[in-house]
């Protein structure tokens, strides 16, 4: 019941964000990503849920690195004291 409530909440917010951000075309882009839940559920039920955990940890690591790279100054983009 908790998963269904959280899923409905996420769906409502995704719909609202897509409506404000660009219309129904964004929902068509998101549909294949939502349909990935079907094979994910099959992997969990067949006892191979570790694959999902590995994939999620890689995606999380990439997201964190991307965020940190945006916050750190990169040499070459700002004038330094030698110029």
C-alpha atoms as a PDB file:
ATOM      1  CA  UNK A   1       0.000   0.000   0.000  1.00  0.00           C
ATOM      2  CA  UNK A   2       2.879   2.369   0.752  1.00  0.00           C
ATOM      3  CA  UNK A   3       4.485   1.719  -2.627  1.00  0.00           C
ATOM      4  CA  UNK A   4       1.222   2.424  -4.422  1.00  0.00           C
ATOM      5  CA  UNK A   5       0.754   5.688  -2.522  1.00  0.00           C
ATOM      6  CA  UNK A   6       4.323   6.774  -3.282  1.00  0.00           C
ATOM      7  CA  UNK A   7       3.876   5.795  -6.925  1.00  0.00           C
ATOM      8  CA  UNK A   8       0.701   7.822  -7.237  1.00  0.00           C
ATOM      9  CA  UNK A   9       2.392  10.794  -5.587  1.00  0.00           C
ATOM     10  CA  UNK A  10       5.335  10.572  -7.989  1.00  0.00           C
ATOM     11  CA  UNK A  11       2.972  10.274 -10.952  1.00  0.00           C
ATOM     12  CA  UNK A  12       1.003  13.353  -9.945  1.00  0.00           C
ATOM     13  CA  UNK A  13       4.156  15.418  -9.523  1.00  0.00           C
ATOM     14  CA  UNK A  14       5.622  14.165 -12.809  1.00  0.00           C
ATOM     15  CA  UNK A  15       2.413  15.109 -14.601  1.00  0.00           C
ATOM     16  CA  UNK A  16       2.396  18.571 -13.048  1.00  0.00           C
ATOM     17  CA  UNK A  17       6.048  19.195 -13.915  1.00  0.00           C
ATOM     18  CA  UNK A  18       5.521  18.000 -17.500  1.00  0.00           C
ATOM     19  CA  UNK A  19       2.476  20.209 -17.870  1.00  0.00           C
ATOM     20  CA  UNK A  20       4.354  23.299 -16.716  1.00  0.00           C
ATOM     21  CA  UNK A  21       7.568  22.411 -18.541  1.00  0.00           C
ATOM     22  CA  UNK A  22       6.375  21.669 -22.035  1.00  0.00           C
ATOM     23  CA  UNK A  23       3.196  19.708 -22.328  1.00  0.00           C
ATOM     24  CA  UNK A  24       2.291  16.171 -23.241  1.00  0.00           C
ATOM     25  CA  UNK A  25       5.379  15.648 -25.410  1.00  0.00           C
ATOM     26  CA  UNK A  26       7.462  15.346 -22.240  1.00  0.00           C
ATOM     27  CA  UNK A  27       5.208  12.587 -20.976  1.00  0.00           C
ATOM     28  CA  UNK A  28       5.847  10.600 -24.156  1.00  0.00           C
ATOM     29  CA  UNK A  29       9.572  10.889 -23.498  1.00  0.00           C
ATOM     30  CA  UNK A  30       9.113   9.673 -19.916  1.00  0.00           C
ATOM     31  CA  UNK A  31       6.921   6.692 -20.845  1.00  0.00           C
ATOM     32  CA  UNK A  32       9.773   4.314 -21.824  1.00  0.00           C
ATOM     33  CA  UNK A  33      11.535   5.123 -18.560  1.00  0.00           C
ATOM     34  CA  UNK A  34       8.430   4.295 -16.565  1.00  0.00           C
ATOM     35  CA  UNK A  35       8.028   1.024 -18.456  1.00  0.00           C
ATOM     36  CA  UNK A  36      11.469  -0.032 -17.213  1.00  0.00           C
ATOM     37  CA  UNK A  37       9.754  -0.853 -13.923  1.00  0.00           C
ATOM     38  CA  UNK A  38       8.250  -3.996 -15.483  1.00  0.00           C
ATOM     39  CA  UNK A  39      11.570  -5.787 -16.164  1.00  0.00           C
ATOM     40  CA  UNK A  40      12.910  -4.437 -12.872  1.00  0.00           C
ATOM     41  CA  UNK A  41      10.046  -6.085 -10.988  1.00  0.00           C
ATOM     42  CA  UNK A  42      10.694  -9.324 -12.874  1.00  0.00           C
ATOM     43  CA  UNK A  43      14.372  -9.214 -11.840  1.00  0.00           C
ATOM     44  CA  UNK A  44      13.442  -8.749  -8.195  1.00  0.00           C
ATOM     45  CA  UNK A  45      10.879 -11.560  -8.244  1.00  0.00           C
ATOM     46  CA  UNK A  46      13.345 -13.954  -9.906  1.00  0.00           C
ATOM     47  CA  UNK A  47      15.978 -13.315  -7.239  1.00  0.00           C
ATOM     48  CA  UNK A  48      18.323 -11.194  -9.320  1.00  0.00           C
ATOM     49  CA  UNK A  49      17.634  -7.866  -7.614  1.00  0.00           C
ATOM     50  CA  UNK A  50      21.350  -7.297  -7.086  1.00  0.00           C
ATOM     51  CA  UNK A  51      21.571  -6.174 -10.711  1.00  0.00           C
ATOM     52  CA  UNK A  52      19.193  -3.327  -9.928  1.00  0.00           C
ATOM     53  CA  UNK A  53      21.231  -2.330  -6.888  1.00  0.00           C
ATOM     54  CA  UNK A  54      24.432  -2.244  -8.933  1.00  0.00           C
ATOM     55  CA  UNK A  55      22.821  -0.202 -11.711  1.00  0.00           C
ATOM     56  CA  UNK A  56      21.275   2.202  -9.207  1.00  0.00           C
ATOM     57  CA  UNK A  57      24.578   2.691  -7.395  1.00  0.00           C
ATOM     58  CA  UNK A  58      26.341   3.483 -10.680  1.00  0.00           C
ATOM     59  CA  UNK A  59      23.666   6.008 -11.633  1.00  0.00           C
ATOM     60  CA  UNK A  60      23.849   7.577  -8.190  1.00  0.00           C
ATOM     61  CA  UNK A  61      27.638   7.834  -8.399  1.00  0.00           C
ATOM     62  CA  UNK A  62      27.437   9.465 -11.829  1.00  0.00           C
ATOM     63  CA  UNK A  63      24.841  11.950 -10.570  1.00  0.00           C
ATOM     64  CA  UNK A  64      26.932  12.885  -7.544  1.00  0.00           C
ATOM     65  CA  UNK A  65      30.075  13.325  -9.663  1.00  0.00           C
ATOM     66  CA  UNK A  66      28.176  15.508 -12.120  1.00  0.00           C
ATOM     67  CA  UNK A  67      26.875  17.669  -9.294  1.00  0.00           C
ATOM     68  CA  UNK A  68      30.318  18.039  -7.737  1.00  0.00           C
ATOM     69  CA  UNK A  69      31.886  18.907 -11.090  1.00  0.00           C
ATOM     70  CA  UNK A  70      29.379  21.700 -11.564  1.00  0.00           C
ATOM     71  CA  UNK A  71      30.318  23.184  -8.182  1.00  0.00           C
ATOM     72  CA  UNK A  72      34.110  22.998  -8.542  1.00  0.00           C
ATOM     73  CA  UNK A  73      36.018  25.511 -10.648  1.00  0.00           C
ATOM     74  CA  UNK A  74      37.681  23.972 -13.674  1.00  0.00           C
ATOM     75  CA  UNK A  75      41.121  25.296 -14.685  1.00  0.00           C
ATOM     76  CA  UNK A  76      41.001  27.083 -17.997  1.00  0.00           C
ATOM     77  CA  UNK A  77      37.535  28.548 -17.648  1.00  0.00           C
ATOM     78  CA  UNK A  78      38.508  31.353 -15.271  1.00  0.00           C
ATOM     79  CA  UNK A  79      41.434  33.719 -15.575  1.00  0.00           C
ATOM     80  CA  UNK A  80      44.124  32.874 -13.087  1.00  0.00           C
ATOM     81  CA  UNK A  81      46.749  35.013 -11.374  1.00  0.00           C
ATOM     82  CA  UNK A  82      49.423  34.335 -14.044  1.00  0.00           C
ATOM     83  CA  UNK A  83      47.619  36.203 -16.829  1.00  0.00           C
END
